[in-house]
């Protein structure tokens, strides 16, 4: 995985103090220690839905990346520990510049965000000077700073439809989400060729066979999946949208085509229902994000204790990135969302 310059700097910083090699006393009650450190440091823990259950259990807030960052900005916390991936912690810093933001593992990157390096995207954008740039929030702070509007998987259709039809659009970095939105909106957009390694390898053929064994099951999918999988889905939505759907829907069995970490929250919310992780197109029995799973309870404890690795952003980048996020929020607010 190629790291951004920001992440490379953090790796050097942390390596210099040996943080990544620090041992954790195996006799420690990590749940109690994390709770103590939160109180001592006026800290909050944010956990994305794809984190391991133990981390979700100790988190103050669980959710999707933007919602978590917005929630953190509303608090009076001095320290934000973001159990997610690097771009998510950057978003928290963009919205909370006066709070210290730490990430349990600085190498918890994102295949989608890293598929769009700032230097290459800058050259790509020069080819389409008259295009509005709408970028999915799963991108680095540098890419957000190059964008006109940011979107999430839940509001992307609204954001695109807010742009005049005669205005050409660049959309990225997820080509699968872009293709889905082109079908939904009828807009022809220039797409950046990036994917999420988790959502890109779900197997439509294996889902069909799974559906044959569970004919009563509904297939639900994240729009980062490929077209063949989305065509099989009874419902397509963001991670939060999928969770809410399973709580309100009448079905009792679901085949879930997104990172299986969300199944923990689905089962917690609907213990009487059955949730089956959709299979990938490889020999692995699961479809877990290797970057999300770099975070562990031990690393969360260490990052709270030493307040490292810290997310640092150039103020110019942060301001420009926030402007693109604010534009998204203005459009959403005008639509009553």
Protein backbone atom coordinates (compact mmCIF):
# COMPACT_ATOMS: atom_id res chain seq x y z
CA UNK A 1 0.00 0.00 0.00
CA UNK A 2 1.38 3.38 -0.98
CA UNK A 3 1.06 5.87 1.84
CA UNK A 4 0.39 9.56 1.42
CA UNK A 5 3.14 12.01 2.41
CA UNK A 6 1.21 12.74 5.60
CA UNK A 7 1.14 9.07 6.56
CA UNK A 8 4.83 8.59 5.67
CA UNK A 9 5.72 11.42 8.01
CA UNK A 10 3.73 9.82 10.78
CA UNK A 11 5.41 6.46 10.25
CA UNK A 12 8.82 8.12 10.67
CA UNK A 13 7.63 10.00 13.75
CA UNK A 14 6.24 6.92 15.44
CA UNK A 15 9.15 4.69 14.47
CA UNK A 16 11.54 7.15 16.14
CA UNK A 17 9.98 6.46 19.55
CA UNK A 18 9.41 2.76 18.95
CA UNK A 19 5.66 3.15 19.47
CA UNK A 20 4.69 0.35 17.13
CA UNK A 21 6.84 -2.13 19.08
CA UNK A 22 5.70 -1.23 22.57
CA UNK A 23 4.53 -4.31 24.52
CA UNK A 24 1.23 -4.40 26.37
CA UNK A 25 1.09 -6.15 29.74
CA UNK A 26 -1.09 -9.22 29.07
CA UNK A 27 -2.54 -9.04 32.59
CA UNK A 28 -4.05 -5.59 32.02
CA UNK A 29 -7.81 -5.26 31.91
CA UNK A 30 -7.81 -3.28 28.67
CA UNK A 31 -11.49 -2.39 28.93
CA UNK A 32 -10.95 -0.84 32.37
CA UNK A 33 -7.69 0.86 31.31
CA UNK A 34 -9.26 2.37 28.22
CA UNK A 35 -12.16 3.67 30.28
CA UNK A 36 -9.71 5.18 32.79
CA UNK A 37 -7.68 6.87 30.07
CA UNK A 38 -10.80 8.31 28.43
CA UNK A 39 -11.77 10.01 31.68
CA UNK A 40 -8.22 11.09 32.51
CA UNK A 41 -7.61 12.68 29.10
CA UNK A 42 -11.14 13.89 28.33
CA UNK A 43 -11.10 11.62 25.29
CA UNK A 44 -13.76 10.00 23.13
CA UNK A 45 -13.46 6.88 21.01
CA UNK A 46 -15.01 6.71 17.55
CA UNK A 47 -15.40 3.28 15.97
CA UNK A 48 -16.39 2.56 12.41
CA UNK A 49 -18.87 -0.24 11.82
CA UNK A 50 -16.10 -2.39 10.33
CA UNK A 51 -14.03 -2.53 13.53
CA UNK A 52 -13.76 -5.68 15.62
CA UNK A 53 -16.54 -6.18 18.21
CA UNK A 54 -14.32 -5.39 21.23
CA UNK A 55 -13.49 -1.98 19.80
CA UNK A 56 -17.14 -1.31 18.98
CA UNK A 57 -18.02 -2.22 22.57
CA UNK A 58 -15.65 0.35 24.11
CA UNK A 59 -16.51 3.13 21.64
CA UNK A 60 -18.48 6.21 22.59
CA UNK A 61 -19.88 6.47 19.07
CA UNK A 62 -20.24 3.85 16.34
CA UNK A 63 -21.12 4.67 12.75
CA UNK A 64 -19.96 5.73 9.30
CA UNK A 65 -16.95 8.00 8.91
CA UNK A 66 -18.57 11.40 8.32
CA UNK A 67 -21.23 10.93 10.98
CA UNK A 68 -18.57 10.00 13.50
CA UNK A 69 -16.49 13.07 12.67
CA UNK A 70 -19.54 15.31 12.93
CA UNK A 71 -20.45 13.80 16.29
CA UNK A 72 -16.92 14.32 17.60
CA UNK A 73 -16.96 17.96 16.52
CA UNK A 74 -20.02 18.56 18.71
CA UNK A 75 -18.32 17.29 21.87
CA UNK A 76 -16.02 19.11 24.30
CA UNK A 77 -13.46 16.30 24.12
CA UNK A 78 -9.79 17.24 23.97
CA UNK A 79 -8.69 13.97 22.39
CA UNK A 80 -10.35 11.93 19.62
CA UNK A 81 -9.25 8.33 19.13
CA UNK A 82 -10.60 7.26 15.75
CA UNK A 83 -10.75 3.48 15.36
CA UNK A 84 -11.06 3.40 11.61
CA UNK A 85 -8.69 4.16 8.75
CA UNK A 86 -6.42 7.10 7.98
CA UNK A 87 -8.73 9.18 5.78
CA UNK A 88 -11.47 8.94 8.44
CA UNK A 89 -9.18 10.31 11.13
CA UNK A 90 -8.19 13.08 8.71
CA UNK A 91 -11.86 14.00 8.29
CA UNK A 92 -12.21 14.23 12.06
CA UNK A 93 -9.22 16.60 12.13
CA UNK A 94 -10.71 18.68 9.30
CA UNK A 95 -13.88 19.21 11.34
CA UNK A 96 -12.16 19.48 14.74
CA UNK A 97 -8.91 21.41 14.18
CA UNK A 98 -8.56 22.30 17.86
CA UNK A 99 -8.85 18.72 19.04
CA UNK A 100 -6.03 16.20 19.02
CA UNK A 101 -6.87 13.25 16.75
CA UNK A 102 -5.08 9.91 17.04
CA UNK A 103 -5.36 6.66 15.09
CA UNK A 104 -4.58 3.30 16.74
CA UNK A 105 -2.48 2.15 13.76
CA UNK A 106 -1.07 4.72 11.35
CA UNK A 107 -0.77 1.98 8.71
CA UNK A 108 -4.54 1.49 8.74
CA UNK A 109 -4.94 2.94 5.27
CA UNK A 110 -7.61 2.43 2.63
CA UNK A 111 -7.25 0.78 -0.77
CA UNK A 112 -9.77 3.21 -2.26
CA UNK A 113 -8.16 6.35 -0.85
CA UNK A 114 -4.67 5.15 -1.81
CA UNK A 115 -5.85 4.38 -5.36
CA UNK A 116 -6.09 8.15 -5.92
CA UNK A 117 -2.68 9.76 -5.25
CA UNK A 118 -2.84 13.59 -5.18
CA UNK A 119 -0.15 14.08 -7.83
CA UNK A 120 -1.83 11.75 -10.33
CA UNK A 121 -5.27 13.19 -9.64
CA UNK A 122 -3.98 16.74 -10.14
CA UNK A 123 -2.76 15.77 -13.62
CA UNK A 124 -6.04 13.98 -14.35
CA UNK A 125 -8.08 17.01 -13.33
CA UNK A 126 -6.10 19.27 -15.71
CA UNK A 127 -7.56 17.30 -18.63
CA UNK A 128 -11.09 18.40 -17.67
CA UNK A 129 -10.80 22.06 -16.61
CA UNK A 130 -14.51 22.77 -17.10
CA UNK A 131 -15.69 19.85 -14.92
CA UNK A 132 -17.05 20.09 -11.38
CA UNK A 133 -15.14 17.68 -9.14
CA UNK A 134 -17.33 15.57 -6.85
CA UNK A 135 -15.33 13.16 -4.72
CA UNK A 136 -16.55 10.39 -2.46
CA UNK A 137 -15.53 10.99 1.14
CA UNK A 138 -13.32 7.87 1.06
CA UNK A 139 -10.30 9.87 -0.09
CA UNK A 140 -7.36 11.67 1.47
CA UNK A 141 -7.45 15.22 2.81
CA UNK A 142 -5.31 16.31 -0.15
CA UNK A 143 -7.90 14.97 -2.59
CA UNK A 144 -10.74 16.60 -0.65
CA UNK A 145 -8.84 19.88 -0.94
CA UNK A 146 -8.81 19.49 -4.75
CA UNK A 147 -12.56 18.87 -4.87
CA UNK A 148 -15.52 21.17 -5.36
CA UNK A 149 -17.97 18.99 -3.41
CA UNK A 150 -17.59 15.89 -1.24
CA UNK A 151 -20.31 13.25 -1.05
CA UNK A 152 -21.10 10.15 0.97
CA UNK A 153 -22.70 6.94 -0.28
CA UNK A 154 -25.99 8.06 1.27
CA UNK A 155 -26.15 11.53 -0.28
CA UNK A 156 -24.16 11.04 -3.50
CA UNK A 157 -27.25 10.92 -5.74
CA UNK A 158 -28.57 14.15 -4.21
CA UNK A 159 -25.21 15.88 -4.65
CA UNK A 160 -24.94 14.88 -8.29
CA UNK A 161 -28.51 15.90 -9.06
CA UNK A 162 -27.87 19.30 -7.47
CA UNK A 163 -25.40 20.08 -10.28
CA UNK A 164 -26.97 21.54 -13.47
CA UNK A 165 -27.39 18.90 -16.16
CA UNK A 166 -25.25 20.80 -18.63
CA UNK A 167 -22.36 20.96 -16.16
CA UNK A 168 -19.88 18.07 -16.72
CA UNK A 169 -18.70 16.18 -13.65
CA UNK A 170 -15.60 14.32 -12.56
CA UNK A 171 -16.48 11.66 -9.97
CA UNK A 172 -14.11 9.57 -7.92
CA UNK A 173 -12.35 7.79 -6.53
CA UNK A 174 -14.72 4.76 -6.63
CA UNK A 175 -15.61 3.65 -10.16
CA UNK A 176 -18.22 1.14 -8.92
CA UNK A 177 -20.08 3.80 -6.95
CA UNK A 178 -19.70 6.15 -9.92
CA UNK A 179 -21.25 3.64 -12.33
CA UNK A 180 -24.10 2.99 -9.92
CA UNK A 181 -24.77 6.73 -9.68
CA UNK A 182 -24.65 7.15 -13.45
CA UNK A 183 -27.38 4.53 -13.69
CA UNK A 184 -29.42 6.17 -10.93
CA UNK A 185 -29.11 9.75 -12.20
CA UNK A 186 -28.74 9.31 -15.94
CA UNK A 187 -25.66 11.54 -15.80
CA UNK A 188 -22.56 10.79 -17.88
CA UNK A 189 -19.58 11.43 -15.59
CA UNK A 190 -15.83 11.11 -16.01
CA UNK A 191 -14.80 8.47 -13.47
CA UNK A 192 -11.53 8.02 -11.63
CA UNK A 193 -10.53 4.34 -11.84
CA UNK A 194 -10.37 3.33 -8.17
CA UNK A 195 -12.05 0.60 -6.12
CA UNK A 196 -12.41 -0.70 -2.58
CA UNK A 197 -10.69 -4.09 -2.46
CA UNK A 198 -13.40 -5.44 -0.14
CA UNK A 199 -16.46 -4.44 -2.15
CA UNK A 200 -14.90 -5.08 -5.56
CA UNK A 201 -14.45 -8.84 -5.04
CA UNK A 202 -17.87 -10.01 -3.93
CA UNK A 203 -18.89 -12.90 -6.16
CA UNK A 204 -22.26 -12.59 -7.89
CA UNK A 205 -22.11 -16.30 -8.77
CA UNK A 206 -21.52 -17.33 -5.15
CA UNK A 207 -24.28 -15.00 -3.94
CA UNK A 208 -26.68 -16.67 -6.38
CA UNK A 209 -25.74 -20.10 -5.00
CA UNK A 210 -26.11 -18.78 -1.46
CA UNK A 211 -29.52 -17.39 -2.35
CA UNK A 212 -30.55 -20.83 -3.65
CA UNK A 213 -29.76 -22.29 -0.21
CA UNK A 214 -31.58 -19.42 1.52
CA UNK A 215 -34.46 -18.47 -0.82
CA UNK A 216 -36.13 -16.46 1.94
CA UNK A 217 -33.09 -14.20 2.34
CA UNK A 218 -32.90 -10.67 1.00
CA UNK A 219 -29.65 -9.53 -0.59
CA UNK A 220 -28.52 -6.12 0.63
CA UNK A 221 -25.43 -4.40 -0.76
CA UNK A 222 -23.23 -1.35 -0.48
CA UNK A 223 -23.03 0.71 -3.71
CA UNK A 224 -19.25 0.23 -3.83
CA UNK A 225 -19.98 -3.31 -5.10
CA UNK A 226 -19.72 -4.21 -8.78
CA UNK A 227 -22.78 -3.98 -11.05
CA UNK A 228 -23.35 -7.75 -11.12
CA UNK A 229 -23.74 -7.82 -7.33
CA UNK A 230 -25.87 -4.67 -7.19
CA UNK A 231 -28.19 -6.20 -9.81
CA UNK A 232 -28.89 -9.06 -7.40
CA UNK A 233 -29.60 -6.81 -4.45
CA UNK A 234 -33.05 -6.23 -3.01
CA UNK A 235 -31.73 -3.08 -1.35
CA UNK A 236 -28.66 -0.90 -1.95
CA UNK A 237 -27.51 1.67 0.59
CA UNK A 238 -24.69 3.02 2.73
CA UNK A 239 -23.54 0.96 5.71
CA UNK A 240 -25.80 2.94 8.04
CA UNK A 241 -28.62 2.64 5.53
CA UNK A 242 -28.23 -1.14 5.39
CA UNK A 243 -28.30 -1.36 9.18
CA UNK A 244 -31.45 0.74 9.43
CA UNK A 245 -33.12 -1.29 6.67
CA UNK A 246 -32.59 -4.57 8.52
CA UNK A 247 -34.14 -3.07 11.64
CA UNK A 248 -37.31 -1.93 9.86
CA UNK A 249 -37.72 -4.58 7.17
CA UNK A 250 -39.97 -7.62 7.65
CA UNK A 251 -37.51 -10.23 6.36
CA UNK A 252 -35.66 -12.37 8.90
CA UNK A 253 -32.65 -13.45 6.84
CA UNK A 254 -30.19 -11.24 4.93
CA UNK A 255 -27.19 -11.85 2.71
CA UNK A 256 -25.01 -8.82 3.38
CA UNK A 257 -22.62 -7.59 0.67
CA UNK A 258 -20.39 -5.23 2.61
CA UNK A 259 -17.55 -5.59 5.13
CA UNK A 260 -18.75 -8.15 7.68
CA UNK A 261 -17.92 -5.97 10.67
CA UNK A 262 -21.40 -4.45 10.32
CA UNK A 263 -22.97 -7.84 11.05
CA UNK A 264 -22.13 -7.35 14.73
CA UNK A 265 -24.31 -4.23 14.96
CA UNK A 266 -27.03 -5.84 12.84
CA UNK A 267 -27.16 -8.83 15.16
CA UNK A 268 -27.15 -6.58 18.23
CA UNK A 269 -30.08 -4.56 16.87
CA UNK A 270 -32.05 -7.57 15.58
CA UNK A 271 -31.07 -10.68 17.58
CA UNK A 272 -34.01 -12.65 16.17
CA UNK A 273 -32.75 -12.27 12.59
CA UNK A 274 -30.07 -14.12 10.62
CA UNK A 275 -27.26 -12.29 8.82
CA UNK A 276 -25.00 -14.03 6.31
CA UNK A 277 -21.83 -12.43 4.98
CA UNK A 278 -21.76 -12.43 1.19
CA UNK A 279 -18.81 -14.48 -0.15
CA UNK A 280 -15.92 -12.97 -2.11
CA UNK A 281 -14.57 -14.20 -5.42
CA UNK A 282 -11.55 -15.92 -3.87
CA UNK A 283 -10.73 -18.82 -1.59
CA UNK A 284 -11.12 -16.81 1.61
CA UNK A 285 -14.16 -17.60 3.72
CA UNK A 286 -14.62 -13.96 4.65
CA UNK A 287 -14.37 -10.52 3.15
CA UNK A 288 -12.79 -8.49 5.94
CA UNK A 289 -10.95 -5.24 5.30
CA UNK A 290 -7.30 -5.90 6.23
CA UNK A 291 -6.73 -2.19 6.92
CA UNK A 292 -9.68 -1.81 9.30
CA UNK A 293 -8.57 -4.91 11.14
CA UNK A 294 -5.09 -3.48 11.79
CA UNK A 295 -6.67 -1.67 14.73
CA UNK A 296 -6.80 -3.77 17.88
CA UNK A 297 -7.84 -3.18 21.47
CA UNK A 298 -4.14 -3.16 22.45
CA UNK A 299 -3.31 -0.49 19.88
CA UNK A 300 -6.30 1.57 20.94
CA UNK A 301 -5.05 1.45 24.53
CA UNK A 302 -1.55 2.52 23.44
CA UNK A 303 -2.76 5.40 21.29
CA UNK A 304 -4.81 6.73 24.20
CA UNK A 305 -1.93 6.30 26.64
CA UNK A 306 0.75 7.95 24.50
CA UNK A 307 -1.58 10.12 22.36
CA UNK A 308 0.17 8.83 19.24
CA UNK A 309 0.11 8.48 16.27
CA UNK A 310 -1.36 11.94 15.83
CA UNK A 311 -3.05 13.12 12.66
CA UNK A 312 -1.50 16.37 11.42
CA UNK A 313 -2.72 18.41 8.45
CA UNK A 314 -1.40 21.53 6.78
CA UNK A 315 -3.88 24.30 7.58
CA UNK A 316 -4.22 25.29 3.92
CA UNK A 317 -5.18 21.73 3.01
CA UNK A 318 -7.58 21.47 5.94
CA UNK A 319 -9.39 24.71 5.04
CA UNK A 320 -9.83 23.78 1.38
CA UNK A 321 -10.97 20.26 2.29
CA UNK A 322 -13.48 21.64 4.78
CA UNK A 323 -14.88 23.98 2.13
CA UNK A 324 -15.73 20.97 -0.07
CA UNK A 325 -17.33 19.17 2.89
CA UNK A 326 -19.28 22.30 3.87
CA UNK A 327 -20.64 22.56 0.33
CA UNK A 328 -21.98 19.02 0.62
CA UNK A 329 -23.60 19.79 3.96
CA UNK A 330 -25.21 22.95 2.55
CA UNK A 331 -26.77 20.99 -0.32
CA UNK A 332 -27.98 18.27 2.06
CA UNK A 333 -29.44 20.85 4.47
CA UNK A 334 -31.27 22.62 1.64
CA UNK A 335 -32.85 19.26 0.76
CA UNK A 336 -33.92 18.74 4.35
CA UNK A 337 -31.41 15.99 5.09
